[in-house]
Amino acid sequence: MSDTPPPQITFDDFQAVDVRVGTIVRAEPFSGARRPAIKLWVDFGPAIGERKTSAQITRHYTPEALVGLQVAGVVNFPPKQIGKFMSEVLVLGFPDEGGEVVLIHPGLKVPNGGRLF
C-alpha cells in the first residue's frame, strides 16, 4: 500500500461500488490455494442471494468461527477464477499491524443485503 493519498473521487464513483452486508453460511479450508485461504459462502439476502469467495484470512479466523458472522462485501465485481474455484464477491477487511486481514463486520446484527451508505 502506498502512503500517498489516493485521487479524489465523485459521489457517483462511490455509488458505483455496491457494498452489501451478508452472513457467512458455510466456510471450509481452501486446500488447493497457493497461500492459506478459506472458501466462504455468504448469504446477501433475497435480492442478491448466496455468493462464494475465498479469502486469505487464516491468521485470525477458522472456518468454524466464521459461520454466522456478518461481513461486508463488494457484490458487483465480475466473477474471478481463483485456481479451481470461482469467486463471486470480494469480502472486505483492513490489515492488522502485520498486514493480515481483519474482516469488516457490523457491530450490530442488520438485515442481509443492506447496502453501505
PDB file of N, CA and C in Angstrom:
ATOM      1  N   MET A   1       0.832  -1.181   0.000  1.00  0.00           N
ATOM      2  CA  MET A   1       0.000   0.000   0.000  1.00  0.00           C
ATOM      3  C   MET A   1       0.877   1.245   0.000  1.00  0.00           C
ATOM      4  N   SER A   2       0.438   2.234  -0.709  1.00  0.00           N
ATOM      5  CA  SER A   2       1.179   3.483  -0.805  1.00  0.00           C
ATOM      6  C   SER A   2       0.760   4.443   0.297  1.00  0.00           C
ATOM      7  N   ASP A   3       1.699   5.279   0.726  1.00  0.00           N
ATOM      8  CA  ASP A   3       1.392   6.303   1.719  1.00  0.00           C
ATOM      9  C   ASP A   3       0.854   7.572   1.070  1.00  0.00           C
ATOM     10  N   THR A   4       0.883   7.629  -0.270  1.00  0.00           N
ATOM     11  CA  THR A   4       0.352   8.800  -0.954  1.00  0.00           C
ATOM     12  C   THR A   4      -1.172   8.743  -0.972  1.00  0.00           C
ATOM     13  N   PRO A   5      -1.805   9.885  -0.721  1.00  0.00           N
ATOM     14  CA  PRO A   5      -3.264   9.888  -0.732  1.00  0.00           C
ATOM     15  C   PRO A   5      -3.799   9.522  -2.115  1.00  0.00           C
ATOM     16  N   PRO A   6      -4.875   8.746  -2.167  1.00  0.00           N
ATOM     17  CA  PRO A   6      -5.457   8.399  -3.468  1.00  0.00           C
ATOM     18  C   PRO A   6      -6.131   9.626  -4.080  1.00  0.00           C
ATOM     19  N   PRO A   7      -6.363   9.602  -5.387  1.00  0.00           N
ATOM     20  CA  PRO A   7      -7.043  10.742  -6.012  1.00  0.00           C
ATOM     21  C   PRO A   7      -8.477  10.846  -5.494  1.00  0.00           C
ATOM     22  N   GLN A   8      -9.008  12.055  -5.492  1.00  0.00           N
ATOM     23  CA  GLN A   8     -10.395  12.241  -5.076  1.00  0.00           C
ATOM     24  C   GLN A   8     -11.322  11.611  -6.099  1.00  0.00           C
ATOM     25  N   ILE A   9     -12.466  11.127  -5.612  1.00  0.00           N
ATOM     26  CA  ILE A   9     -13.490  10.572  -6.485  1.00  0.00           C
ATOM     27  C   ILE A   9     -14.784  11.347  -6.258  1.00  0.00           C
ATOM     28  N   THR A  10     -15.715  11.148  -7.154  1.00  0.00           N
ATOM     29  CA  THR A  10     -17.023  11.791  -7.002  1.00  0.00           C
ATOM     30  C   THR A  10     -17.945  10.863  -6.226  1.00  0.00           C
ATOM     31  N   PHE A  11     -19.055  11.412  -5.767  1.00  0.00           N
ATOM     32  CA  PHE A  11     -20.050  10.588  -5.080  1.00  0.00           C
ATOM     33  C   PHE A  11     -20.584   9.512  -6.026  1.00  0.00           C
ATOM     34  N   ASP A  12     -20.714   9.837  -7.304  1.00  0.00           N
ATOM     35  CA  ASP A  12     -21.161   8.839  -8.285  1.00  0.00           C
ATOM     36  C   ASP A  12     -20.175   7.679  -8.386  1.00  0.00           C
ATOM     37  N   ASP A  13     -18.867   7.971  -8.288  1.00  0.00           N
ATOM     38  CA  ASP A  13     -17.862   6.908  -8.283  1.00  0.00           C
ATOM     39  C   ASP A  13     -18.092   5.985  -7.097  1.00  0.00           C
ATOM     40  N   PHE A  14     -18.319   6.570  -5.930  1.00  0.00           N
ATOM     41  CA  PHE A  14     -18.580   5.787  -4.709  1.00  0.00           C
ATOM     42  C   PHE A  14     -19.840   4.947  -4.878  1.00  0.00           C
ATOM     43  N   GLN A  15     -20.884   5.526  -5.434  1.00  0.00           N
ATOM     44  CA  GLN A  15     -22.157   4.819  -5.622  1.00  0.00           C
ATOM     45  C   GLN A  15     -22.024   3.629  -6.575  1.00  0.00           C
ATOM     46  N   ALA A  16     -21.032   3.669  -7.447  1.00  0.00           N
ATOM     47  CA  ALA A  16     -20.846   2.579  -8.407  1.00  0.00           C
ATOM     48  C   ALA A  16     -20.354   1.299  -7.742  1.00  0.00           C
ATOM     49  N   VAL A  17     -19.737   1.410  -6.566  1.00  0.00           N
ATOM     50  CA  VAL A  17     -19.255   0.240  -5.838  1.00  0.00           C
ATOM     51  C   VAL A  17     -20.385  -0.225  -4.912  1.00  0.00           C
ATOM     52  N   ASP A  18     -20.913  -1.404  -5.163  1.00  0.00           N
ATOM     53  CA  ASP A  18     -22.059  -1.922  -4.416  1.00  0.00           C
ATOM     54  C   ASP A  18     -21.570  -2.789  -3.247  1.00  0.00           C
ATOM     55  N   VAL A  19     -21.483  -2.182  -2.064  1.00  0.00           N
ATOM     56  CA  VAL A  19     -21.030  -2.880  -0.859  1.00  0.00           C
ATOM     57  C   VAL A  19     -22.264  -3.261  -0.050  1.00  0.00           C
ATOM     58  N   ARG A  20     -22.421  -4.556   0.206  1.00  0.00           N
ATOM     59  CA  ARG A  20     -23.575  -5.082   0.934  1.00  0.00           C
ATOM     60  C   ARG A  20     -23.115  -5.904   2.131  1.00  0.00           C
ATOM     61  N   VAL A  21     -24.043  -6.121   3.045  1.00  0.00           N
ATOM     62  CA  VAL A  21     -23.777  -6.974   4.195  1.00  0.00           C
ATOM     63  C   VAL A  21     -24.403  -8.342   3.941  1.00  0.00           C
ATOM     64  N   GLY A  22     -23.690  -9.374   4.363  1.00  0.00           N
ATOM     65  CA  GLY A  22     -24.193 -10.734   4.233  1.00  0.00           C
ATOM     66  C   GLY A  22     -23.695 -11.589   5.383  1.00  0.00           C
ATOM     67  N   THR A  23     -24.332 -12.737   5.560  1.00  0.00           N
ATOM     68  CA  THR A  23     -23.956 -13.663   6.625  1.00  0.00           C
ATOM     69  C   THR A  23     -23.248 -14.873   6.030  1.00  0.00           C
ATOM     70  N   ILE A  24     -22.099 -15.202   6.597  1.00  0.00           N
ATOM     71  CA  ILE A  24     -21.374 -16.399   6.150  1.00  0.00           C
ATOM     72  C   ILE A  24     -22.173 -17.622   6.588  1.00  0.00           C
ATOM     73  N   VAL A  25     -22.601 -18.435   5.609  1.00  0.00           N
ATOM     74  CA  VAL A  25     -23.411 -19.615   5.903  1.00  0.00           C
ATOM     75  C   VAL A  25     -22.610 -20.909   5.813  1.00  0.00           C
ATOM     76  N   ARG A  26     -21.442 -20.826   5.185  1.00  0.00           N
ATOM     77  CA  ARG A  26     -20.577 -22.008   5.044  1.00  0.00           C
ATOM     78  C   ARG A  26     -19.149 -21.531   4.882  1.00  0.00           C
ATOM     79  N   ALA A  27     -18.212 -22.260   5.463  1.00  0.00           N
ATOM     80  CA  ALA A  27     -16.789 -21.936   5.337  1.00  0.00           C
ATOM     81  C   ALA A  27     -15.991 -23.227   5.420  1.00  0.00           C
ATOM     82  N   GLU A  28     -14.985 -23.337   4.566  1.00  0.00           N
ATOM     83  CA  GLU A  28     -14.123 -24.527   4.592  1.00  0.00           C
ATOM     84  C   GLU A  28     -12.725 -24.162   4.121  1.00  0.00           C
ATOM     85  N   PRO A  29     -11.729 -24.909   4.564  1.00  0.00           N
ATOM     86  CA  PRO A  29     -10.359 -24.639   4.106  1.00  0.00           C
ATOM     87  C   PRO A  29     -10.264 -24.757   2.587  1.00  0.00           C
ATOM     88  N   PHE A  30      -9.459 -23.913   1.982  1.00  0.00           N
ATOM     89  CA  PHE A  30      -9.226 -23.943   0.536  1.00  0.00           C
ATOM     90  C   PHE A  30      -7.932 -24.717   0.329  1.00  0.00           C
ATOM     91  N   SER A  31      -8.054 -26.046   0.226  1.00  0.00           N
ATOM     92  CA  SER A  31      -6.871 -26.907   0.193  1.00  0.00           C
ATOM     93  C   SER A  31      -6.008 -26.713  -1.045  1.00  0.00           C
ATOM     94  N   GLY A  32      -6.558 -26.259  -2.160  1.00  0.00           N
ATOM     95  CA  GLY A  32      -5.768 -26.097  -3.381  1.00  0.00           C
ATOM     96  C   GLY A  32      -5.159 -24.723  -3.548  1.00  0.00           C
ATOM     97  N   ALA A  33      -5.310 -23.844  -2.593  1.00  0.00           N
ATOM     98  CA  ALA A  33      -4.804 -22.473  -2.726  1.00  0.00           C
ATOM     99  C   ALA A  33      -3.286 -22.425  -2.560  1.00  0.00           C
ATOM    100  N   ARG A  34      -2.641 -21.493  -3.260  1.00  0.00           N
ATOM    101  CA  ARG A  34      -1.193 -21.316  -3.138  1.00  0.00           C
ATOM    102  C   ARG A  34      -0.821 -20.780  -1.763  1.00  0.00           C
ATOM    103  N   ARG A  35      -1.619 -19.839  -1.260  1.00  0.00           N
ATOM    104  CA  ARG A  35      -1.431 -19.310   0.098  1.00  0.00           C
ATOM    105  C   ARG A  35      -2.623 -19.765   0.920  1.00  0.00           C
ATOM    106  N   PRO A  36      -2.446 -20.021   2.211  1.00  0.00           N
ATOM    107  CA  PRO A  36      -3.560 -20.499   3.031  1.00  0.00           C
ATOM    108  C   PRO A  36      -4.786 -19.581   2.916  1.00  0.00           C
ATOM    109  N   ALA A  37      -5.936 -20.177   2.645  1.00  0.00           N
ATOM    110  CA  ALA A  37      -7.164 -19.413   2.448  1.00  0.00           C
ATOM    111  C   ALA A  37      -8.360 -20.232   2.925  1.00  0.00           C
ATOM    112  N   ILE A  38      -9.481 -19.552   3.017  1.00  0.00           N
ATOM    113  CA  ILE A  38     -10.740 -20.188   3.411  1.00  0.00           C
ATOM    114  C   ILE A  38     -11.780 -19.864   2.349  1.00  0.00           C
ATOM    115  N   LYS A  39     -12.515 -20.878   1.900  1.00  0.00           N
ATOM    116  CA  LYS A  39     -13.643 -20.670   0.997  1.00  0.00           C
ATOM    117  C   LYS A  39     -14.845 -20.245   1.838  1.00  0.00           C
ATOM    118  N   LEU A  40     -15.566 -19.235   1.350  1.00  0.00           N
ATOM    119  CA  LEU A  40     -16.730 -18.713   2.058  1.00  0.00           C
ATOM    120  C   LEU A  40     -17.947 -18.704   1.149  1.00  0.00           C
ATOM    121  N   TRP A  41     -19.107 -19.011   1.718  1.00  0.00           N
ATOM    122  CA  TRP A  41     -20.391 -18.856   1.061  1.00  0.00           C
ATOM    123  C   TRP A  41     -21.165 -17.850   1.902  1.00  0.00           C
ATOM    124  N   VAL A  42     -21.571 -16.738   1.271  1.00  0.00           N
ATOM    125  CA  VAL A  42     -22.167 -15.624   2.003  1.00  0.00           C
ATOM    126  C   VAL A  42     -23.580 -15.363   1.478  1.00  0.00           C
ATOM    127  N   ASP A  43     -24.551 -15.295   2.397  1.00  0.00           N
ATOM    128  CA  ASP A  43     -25.942 -15.007   2.046  1.00  0.00           C
ATOM    129  C   ASP A  43     -26.158 -13.501   2.087  1.00  0.00           C
ATOM    130  N   PHE A  44     -26.417 -12.893   0.928  1.00  0.00           N
ATOM    131  CA  PHE A  44     -26.659 -11.457   0.830  1.00  0.00           C
ATOM    132  C   PHE A  44     -28.149 -11.118   0.720  1.00  0.00           C
ATOM    133  N   GLY A  45     -29.007 -12.005   1.181  1.00  0.00           N
ATOM    134  CA  GLY A  45     -30.441 -11.726   1.186  1.00  0.00           C
ATOM    135  C   GLY A  45     -31.114 -12.114  -0.117  1.00  0.00           C
ATOM    136  N   PRO A  46     -32.453 -11.984  -0.144  1.00  0.00           N
ATOM    137  CA  PRO A  46     -33.219 -12.490  -1.286  1.00  0.00           C
ATOM    138  C   PRO A  46     -32.921 -11.800  -2.624  1.00  0.00           C
ATOM    139  N   ALA A  47     -32.597 -10.533  -2.634  1.00  0.00           N
ATOM    140  CA  ALA A  47     -32.370  -9.827  -3.903  1.00  0.00           C
ATOM    141  C   ALA A  47     -31.069 -10.262  -4.584  1.00  0.00           C
ATOM    142  N   ILE A  48     -30.039 -10.589  -3.809  1.00  0.00           N
ATOM    143  CA  ILE A  48     -28.725 -10.939  -4.368  1.00  0.00           C
ATOM    144  C   ILE A  48     -28.462 -12.426  -4.251  1.00  0.00           C
ATOM    145  N   GLY A  49     -28.870 -13.021  -3.144  1.00  0.00           N
ATOM    146  CA  GLY A  49     -28.678 -14.452  -2.939  1.00  0.00           C
ATOM    147  C   GLY A  49     -27.326 -14.788  -2.341  1.00  0.00           C
ATOM    148  N   GLU A  50     -26.975 -16.044  -2.467  1.00  0.00           N
ATOM    149  CA  GLU A  50     -25.720 -16.544  -1.909  1.00  0.00           C
ATOM    150  C   GLU A  50     -24.601 -16.389  -2.926  1.00  0.00           C
ATOM    151  N   ARG A  51     -23.467 -15.895  -2.473  1.00  0.00           N
ATOM    152  CA  ARG A  51     -22.274 -15.745  -3.314  1.00  0.00           C
ATOM    153  C   ARG A  51     -21.104 -16.419  -2.614  1.00  0.00           C
ATOM    154  N   LYS A  52     -20.164 -16.920  -3.408  1.00  0.00           N
ATOM    155  CA  LYS A  52     -18.994 -17.586  -2.826  1.00  0.00           C
ATOM    156  C   LYS A  52     -17.727 -16.813  -3.152  1.00  0.00           C
ATOM    157  N   THR A  53     -16.737 -17.008  -2.297  1.00  0.00           N
ATOM    158  CA  THR A  53     -15.445 -16.365  -2.477  1.00  0.00           C
ATOM    159  C   THR A  53     -14.400 -17.133  -1.690  1.00  0.00           C
ATOM    160  N   SER A  54     -13.160 -16.750  -1.853  1.00  0.00           N
ATOM    161  CA  SER A  54     -12.106 -17.267  -0.984  1.00  0.00           C
ATOM    162  C   SER A  54     -11.362 -16.074  -0.423  1.00  0.00           C
ATOM    163  N   ALA A  55     -10.816 -16.245   0.764  1.00  0.00           N
ATOM    164  CA  ALA A  55     -10.123 -15.144   1.420  1.00  0.00           C
ATOM    165  C   ALA A  55      -8.915 -15.673   2.190  1.00  0.00           C
ATOM    166  N   GLN A  56      -7.832 -14.928   2.146  1.00  0.00           N
ATOM    167  CA  GLN A  56      -6.618 -15.281   2.879  1.00  0.00           C
ATOM    168  C   GLN A  56      -6.727 -14.694   4.286  1.00  0.00           C
ATOM    169  N   ILE A  57      -7.522 -15.368   5.107  1.00  0.00           N
ATOM    170  CA  ILE A  57      -7.856 -14.856   6.439  1.00  0.00           C
ATOM    171  C   ILE A  57      -7.552 -15.869   7.536  1.00  0.00           C
ATOM    172  N   THR A  58      -6.665 -16.815   7.255  1.00  0.00           N
ATOM    173  CA  THR A  58      -6.414 -17.909   8.194  1.00  0.00           C
ATOM    174  C   THR A  58      -5.656 -17.484   9.443  1.00  0.00           C
ATOM    175  N   ARG A  59      -5.051 -16.324   9.447  1.00  0.00           N
ATOM    176  CA  ARG A  59      -4.302 -15.866  10.632  1.00  0.00           C
ATOM    177  C   ARG A  59      -5.240 -15.595  11.807  1.00  0.00           C
ATOM    178  N   HIS A  60      -6.407 -15.018  11.517  1.00  0.00           N
ATOM    179  CA  HIS A  60      -7.327 -14.617  12.585  1.00  0.00           C
ATOM    180  C   HIS A  60      -8.608 -15.435  12.656  1.00  0.00           C
ATOM    181  N   TYR A  61      -8.872 -16.272  11.651  1.00  0.00           N
ATOM    182  CA  TYR A  61     -10.169 -16.950  11.589  1.00  0.00           C
ATOM    183  C   TYR A  61     -10.016 -18.430  11.275  1.00  0.00           C
ATOM    184  N   THR A  62     -10.960 -19.221  11.795  1.00  0.00           N
ATOM    185  CA  THR A  62     -11.099 -20.625  11.414  1.00  0.00           C
ATOM    186  C   THR A  62     -12.437 -20.749  10.691  1.00  0.00           C
ATOM    187  N   PRO A  63     -12.571 -21.750   9.832  1.00  0.00           N
ATOM    188  CA  PRO A  63     -13.862 -21.913   9.151  1.00  0.00           C
ATOM    189  C   PRO A  63     -15.038 -22.014  10.131  1.00  0.00           C
ATOM    190  N   GLU A  64     -14.860 -22.750  11.208  1.00  0.00           N
ATOM    191  CA  GLU A  64     -15.945 -22.946  12.178  1.00  0.00           C
ATOM    192  C   GLU A  64     -16.374 -21.627  12.821  1.00  0.00           C
ATOM    193  N   ALA A  65     -15.421 -20.766  13.121  1.00  0.00           N
ATOM    194  CA  ALA A  65     -15.731 -19.493  13.783  1.00  0.00           C
ATOM    195  C   ALA A  65     -16.386 -18.486  12.836  1.00  0.00           C
ATOM    196  N   LEU A  66     -16.239 -18.678  11.532  1.00  0.00           N
ATOM    197  CA  LEU A  66     -16.777 -17.721  10.563  1.00  0.00           C
ATOM    198  C   LEU A  66     -18.269 -17.896  10.301  1.00  0.00           C
ATOM    199  N   VAL A  67     -18.775 -19.115  10.426  1.00  0.00           N
ATOM    200  CA  VAL A  67     -20.185 -19.365  10.126  1.00  0.00           C
ATOM    201  C   VAL A  67     -21.056 -18.552  11.079  1.00  0.00           C
ATOM    202  N   GLY A  68     -21.962 -17.775  10.492  1.00  0.00           N
ATOM    203  CA  GLY A  68     -22.855 -16.913  11.266  1.00  0.00           C
ATOM    204  C   GLY A  68     -22.375 -15.469  11.365  1.00  0.00           C
ATOM    205  N   LEU A  69     -21.107 -15.195  10.991  1.00  0.00           N
ATOM    206  CA  LEU A  69     -20.574 -13.842  11.055  1.00  0.00           C
ATOM    207  C   LEU A  69     -21.097 -13.020   9.882  1.00  0.00           C
ATOM    208  N   GLN A  70     -21.557 -11.809  10.157  1.00  0.00           N
ATOM    209  CA  GLN A  70     -21.936 -10.905   9.079  1.00  0.00           C
ATOM    210  C   GLN A  70     -20.688 -10.154   8.617  1.00  0.00           C
ATOM    211  N   VAL A  71     -20.562 -10.001   7.297  1.00  0.00           N
ATOM    212  CA  VAL A  71     -19.403  -9.338   6.705  1.00  0.00           C
ATOM    213  C   VAL A  71     -19.859  -8.375   5.619  1.00  0.00           C
ATOM    214  N   ALA A  72     -18.967  -7.456   5.244  1.00  0.00           N
ATOM    215  CA  ALA A  72     -19.210  -6.542   4.134  1.00  0.00           C
ATOM    216  C   ALA A  72     -18.528  -7.103   2.895  1.00  0.00           C
ATOM    217  N   GLY A  73     -19.196  -6.951   1.751  1.00  0.00           N
ATOM    218  CA  GLY A  73     -18.612  -7.437   0.510  1.00  0.00           C
ATOM    219  C   GLY A  73     -19.037  -6.612  -0.689  1.00  0.00           C
ATOM    220  N   VAL A  74     -18.145  -6.507  -1.675  1.00  0.00           N
ATOM    221  CA  VAL A  74     -18.473  -5.854  -2.945  1.00  0.00           C
ATOM    222  C   VAL A  74     -19.141  -6.908  -3.818  1.00  0.00           C
ATOM    223  N   VAL A  75     -20.405  -6.658  -4.186  1.00  0.00           N
ATOM    224  CA  VAL A  75     -21.172  -7.670  -4.913  1.00  0.00           C
ATOM    225  C   VAL A  75     -21.269  -7.406  -6.409  1.00  0.00           C
ATOM    226  N   ASN A  76     -20.712  -6.290  -6.890  1.00  0.00           N
ATOM    227  CA  ASN A  76     -20.846  -6.010  -8.328  1.00  0.00           C
ATOM    228  C   ASN A  76     -19.526  -6.077  -9.099  1.00  0.00           C
ATOM    229  N   PHE A  77     -18.548  -6.816  -8.575  1.00  0.00           N
ATOM    230  CA  PHE A  77     -17.367  -7.154  -9.370  1.00  0.00           C
ATOM    231  C   PHE A  77     -17.707  -8.372 -10.218  1.00  0.00           C
ATOM    232  N   PRO A  78     -17.078  -8.517 -11.394  1.00  0.00           N
ATOM    233  CA  PRO A  78     -17.306  -9.740 -12.166  1.00  0.00           C
ATOM    234  C   PRO A  78     -16.670 -10.941 -11.456  1.00  0.00           C
ATOM    235  N   PRO A  79     -17.194 -12.154 -11.689  1.00  0.00           N
ATOM    236  CA  PRO A  79     -16.574 -13.347 -11.094  1.00  0.00           C
ATOM    237  C   PRO A  79     -15.114 -13.464 -11.503  1.00  0.00           C
ATOM    238  N   LYS A  80     -14.309 -14.061 -10.597  1.00  0.00           N
ATOM    239  CA  LYS A  80     -12.871 -14.213 -10.852  1.00  0.00           C
ATOM    240  C   LYS A  80     -12.463 -15.633 -10.513  1.00  0.00           C
ATOM    241  N   GLN A  81     -11.771 -16.277 -11.441  1.00  0.00           N
ATOM    242  CA  GLN A  81     -11.283 -17.635 -11.233  1.00  0.00           C
ATOM    243  C   GLN A  81     -10.075 -17.599 -10.314  1.00  0.00           C
ATOM    244  N   ILE A  82     -10.137 -18.359  -9.218  1.00  0.00           N
ATOM    245  CA  ILE A  82      -9.016 -18.479  -8.287  1.00  0.00           C
ATOM    246  C   ILE A  82      -8.708 -19.970  -8.184  1.00  0.00           C
ATOM    247  N   GLY A  83      -7.719 -20.405  -8.928  1.00  0.00           N
ATOM    248  CA  GLY A  83      -7.438 -21.838  -9.003  1.00  0.00           C
ATOM    249  C   GLY A  83      -8.632 -22.545  -9.625  1.00  0.00           C
ATOM    250  N   LYS A  84      -9.136 -23.562  -8.938  1.00  0.00           N
ATOM    251  CA  LYS A  84     -10.308 -24.294  -9.435  1.00  0.00           C
ATOM    252  C   LYS A  84     -11.606 -23.760  -8.835  1.00  0.00           C
ATOM    253  N   PHE A  85     -11.545 -22.593  -8.219  1.00  0.00           N
ATOM    254  CA  PHE A  85     -12.690 -22.018  -7.509  1.00  0.00           C
ATOM    255  C   PHE A  85     -13.063 -20.681  -8.134  1.00  0.00           C
ATOM    256  N   MET A  86     -14.363 -20.453  -8.360  1.00  0.00           N
ATOM    257  CA  MET A  86     -14.836 -19.198  -8.936  1.00  0.00           C
ATOM    258  C   MET A  86     -15.306 -18.268  -7.819  1.00  0.00           C
ATOM    259  N   SER A  87     -14.637 -17.137  -7.658  1.00  0.00           N
ATOM    260  CA  SER A  87     -15.008 -16.148  -6.653  1.00  0.00           C
ATOM    261  C   SER A  87     -16.053 -15.212  -7.245  1.00  0.00           C
ATOM    262  N   GLU A  88     -17.141 -14.973  -6.482  1.00  0.00           N
ATOM    263  CA  GLU A  88     -18.253 -14.156  -6.969  1.00  0.00           C
ATOM    264  C   GLU A  88     -18.458 -12.869  -6.182  1.00  0.00           C
ATOM    265  N   VAL A  89     -17.684 -12.651  -5.156  1.00  0.00           N
ATOM    266  CA  VAL A  89     -17.825 -11.472  -4.305  1.00  0.00           C
ATOM    267  C   VAL A  89     -16.466 -11.188  -3.665  1.00  0.00           C
ATOM    268  N   LEU A  90     -16.221  -9.929  -3.302  1.00  0.00           N
ATOM    269  CA  LEU A  90     -14.988  -9.564  -2.604  1.00  0.00           C
ATOM    270  C   LEU A  90     -15.365  -9.168  -1.180  1.00  0.00           C
ATOM    271  N   VAL A  91     -15.007 -10.011  -0.204  1.00  0.00           N
ATOM    272  CA  VAL A  91     -15.240  -9.628   1.190  1.00  0.00           C
ATOM    273  C   VAL A  91     -14.176  -8.614   1.575  1.00  0.00           C
ATOM    274  N   LEU A  92     -14.544  -7.691   2.456  1.00  0.00           N
ATOM    275  CA  LEU A  92     -13.678  -6.559   2.777  1.00  0.00           C
ATOM    276  C   LEU A  92     -13.063  -6.672   4.157  1.00  0.00           C
ATOM    277  N   GLY A  93     -11.863  -6.158   4.289  1.00  0.00           N
ATOM    278  CA  GLY A  93     -11.176  -6.153   5.571  1.00  0.00           C
ATOM    279  C   GLY A  93     -10.110  -5.088   5.599  1.00  0.00           C
ATOM    280  N   PHE A  94      -9.529  -4.909   6.771  1.00  0.00           N
ATOM    281  CA  PHE A  94      -8.418  -3.990   6.975  1.00  0.00           C
ATOM    282  C   PHE A  94      -7.208  -4.794   7.420  1.00  0.00           C
ATOM    283  N   PRO A  95      -5.993  -4.319   7.110  1.00  0.00           N
ATOM    284  CA  PRO A  95      -4.797  -5.027   7.579  1.00  0.00           C
ATOM    285  C   PRO A  95      -4.527  -4.737   9.052  1.00  0.00           C
ATOM    286  N   ASP A  96      -4.112  -5.787   9.770  1.00  0.00           N
ATOM    287  CA  ASP A  96      -3.644  -5.569  11.143  1.00  0.00           C
ATOM    288  C   ASP A  96      -2.204  -5.060  11.075  1.00  0.00           C
ATOM    289  N   GLU A  97      -1.536  -4.961  12.219  1.00  0.00           N
ATOM    290  CA  GLU A  97      -0.175  -4.432  12.240  1.00  0.00           C
ATOM    291  C   GLU A  97       0.812  -5.286  11.453  1.00  0.00           C
ATOM    292  N   GLY A  98       0.485  -6.560  11.222  1.00  0.00           N
ATOM    293  CA  GLY A  98       1.349  -7.440  10.441  1.00  0.00           C
ATOM    294  C   GLY A  98       0.900  -7.606   9.001  1.00  0.00           C
ATOM    295  N   GLY A  99      -0.133  -6.867   8.594  1.00  0.00           N
ATOM    296  CA  GLY A  99      -0.624  -6.958   7.217  1.00  0.00           C
ATOM    297  C   GLY A  99      -1.645  -8.054   6.984  1.00  0.00           C
ATOM    298  N   GLU A 100      -2.072  -8.740   8.044  1.00  0.00           N
ATOM    299  CA  GLU A 100      -3.063  -9.811   7.912  1.00  0.00           C
ATOM    300  C   GLU A 100      -4.475  -9.224   7.944  1.00  0.00           C
ATOM    301  N   VAL A 101      -5.391  -9.848   7.214  1.00  0.00           N
ATOM    302  CA  VAL A 101      -6.740  -9.314   7.056  1.00  0.00           C
ATOM    303  C   VAL A 101      -7.606  -9.501   8.297  1.00  0.00           C
ATOM    304  N   VAL A 102      -8.265  -8.399   8.684  1.00  0.00           N
ATOM    305  CA  VAL A 102      -9.300  -8.405   9.718  1.00  0.00           C
ATOM    306  C   VAL A 102     -10.584  -8.001   9.004  1.00  0.00           C
ATOM    307  N   LEU A 103     -11.563  -8.900   8.976  1.00  0.00           N
ATOM    308  CA  LEU A 103     -12.795  -8.656   8.233  1.00  0.00           C
ATOM    309  C   LEU A 103     -13.609  -7.503   8.807  1.00  0.00           C
ATOM    310  N   ILE A 104     -14.265  -6.769   7.915  1.00  0.00           N
ATOM    311  CA  ILE A 104     -15.192  -5.709   8.316  1.00  0.00           C
ATOM    312  C   ILE A 104     -16.545  -6.363   8.580  1.00  0.00           C
ATOM    313  N   HIS A 105     -17.140  -6.028   9.722  1.00  0.00           N
ATOM    314  CA  HIS A 105     -18.481  -6.536  10.013  1.00  0.00           C
ATOM    315  C   HIS A 105     -19.219  -5.532  10.885  1.00  0.00           C
ATOM    316  N   PRO A 106     -20.555  -5.493  10.766  1.00  0.00           N
ATOM    317  CA  PRO A 106     -21.312  -4.528  11.565  1.00  0.00           C
ATOM    318  C   PRO A 106     -21.237  -4.876  13.050  1.00  0.00           C
ATOM    319  N   GLY A 107     -21.316  -3.851  13.879  1.00  0.00           N
ATOM    320  CA  GLY A 107     -21.286  -4.041  15.332  1.00  0.00           C
ATOM    321  C   GLY A 107     -22.583  -4.601  15.882  1.00  0.00           C
ATOM    322  N   LEU A 108     -23.664  -4.445  15.132  1.00  0.00           N
ATOM    323  CA  LEU A 108     -24.973  -4.991  15.492  1.00  0.00           C
ATOM    324  C   LEU A 108     -25.494  -5.788  14.316  1.00  0.00           C
ATOM    325  N   LYS A 109     -26.378  -6.760  14.585  1.00  0.00           N
ATOM    326  CA  LYS A 109     -26.969  -7.552  13.505  1.00  0.00           C
ATOM    327  C   LYS A 109     -27.869  -6.656  12.668  1.00  0.00           C
ATOM    328  N   VAL A 110     -27.715  -6.750  11.341  1.00  0.00           N
ATOM    329  CA  VAL A 110     -28.518  -5.986  10.394  1.00  0.00           C
ATOM    330  C   VAL A 110     -29.070  -6.954   9.338  1.00  0.00           C
ATOM    331  N   PRO A 111     -30.117  -6.566   8.608  1.00  0.00           N
ATOM    332  CA  PRO A 111     -30.659  -7.466   7.591  1.00  0.00           C
ATOM    333  C   PRO A 111     -29.646  -7.722   6.463  1.00  0.00           C
ATOM    334  N   ASN A 112     -29.531  -8.970   6.044  1.00  0.00           N
ATOM    335  CA  ASN A 112     -28.665  -9.323   4.917  1.00  0.00           C
ATOM    336  C   ASN A 112     -29.109  -8.554   3.675  1.00  0.00           C
ATOM    337  N   GLY A 113     -28.130  -8.092   2.905  1.00  0.00           N
ATOM    338  CA  GLY A 113     -28.412  -7.372   1.664  1.00  0.00           C
ATOM    339  C   GLY A 113     -28.406  -5.866   1.831  1.00  0.00           C
ATOM    340  N   GLY A 114     -28.315  -5.375   3.072  1.00  0.00           N
ATOM    341  CA  GLY A 114     -28.276  -3.928   3.283  1.00  0.00           C
ATOM    342  C   GLY A 114     -27.069  -3.322   2.596  1.00  0.00           C
ATOM    343  N   ARG A 115     -27.287  -2.171   1.965  1.00  0.00           N
ATOM    344  CA  ARG A 115     -26.212  -1.508   1.219  1.00  0.00           C
ATOM    345  C   ARG A 115     -25.511  -0.459   2.076  1.00  0.00           C
ATOM    346  N   LEU A 116     -24.193  -0.419   1.948  1.00  0.00           N
ATOM    347  CA  LEU A 116     -23.376   0.580   2.642  1.00  0.00           C
ATOM    348  C   LEU A 116     -23.705   1.974   2.098  1.00  0.00           C
ATOM    349  N   PHE A 117     -23.869   2.905   3.017  1.00  0.00           N
ATOM    350  CA  PHE A 117     -24.045   4.310   2.617  1.00  0.00           C
ATOM    351  C   PHE A 117     -23.367   5.201   3.629  1.00  0.00           C
TER     352      PHE A 117
END
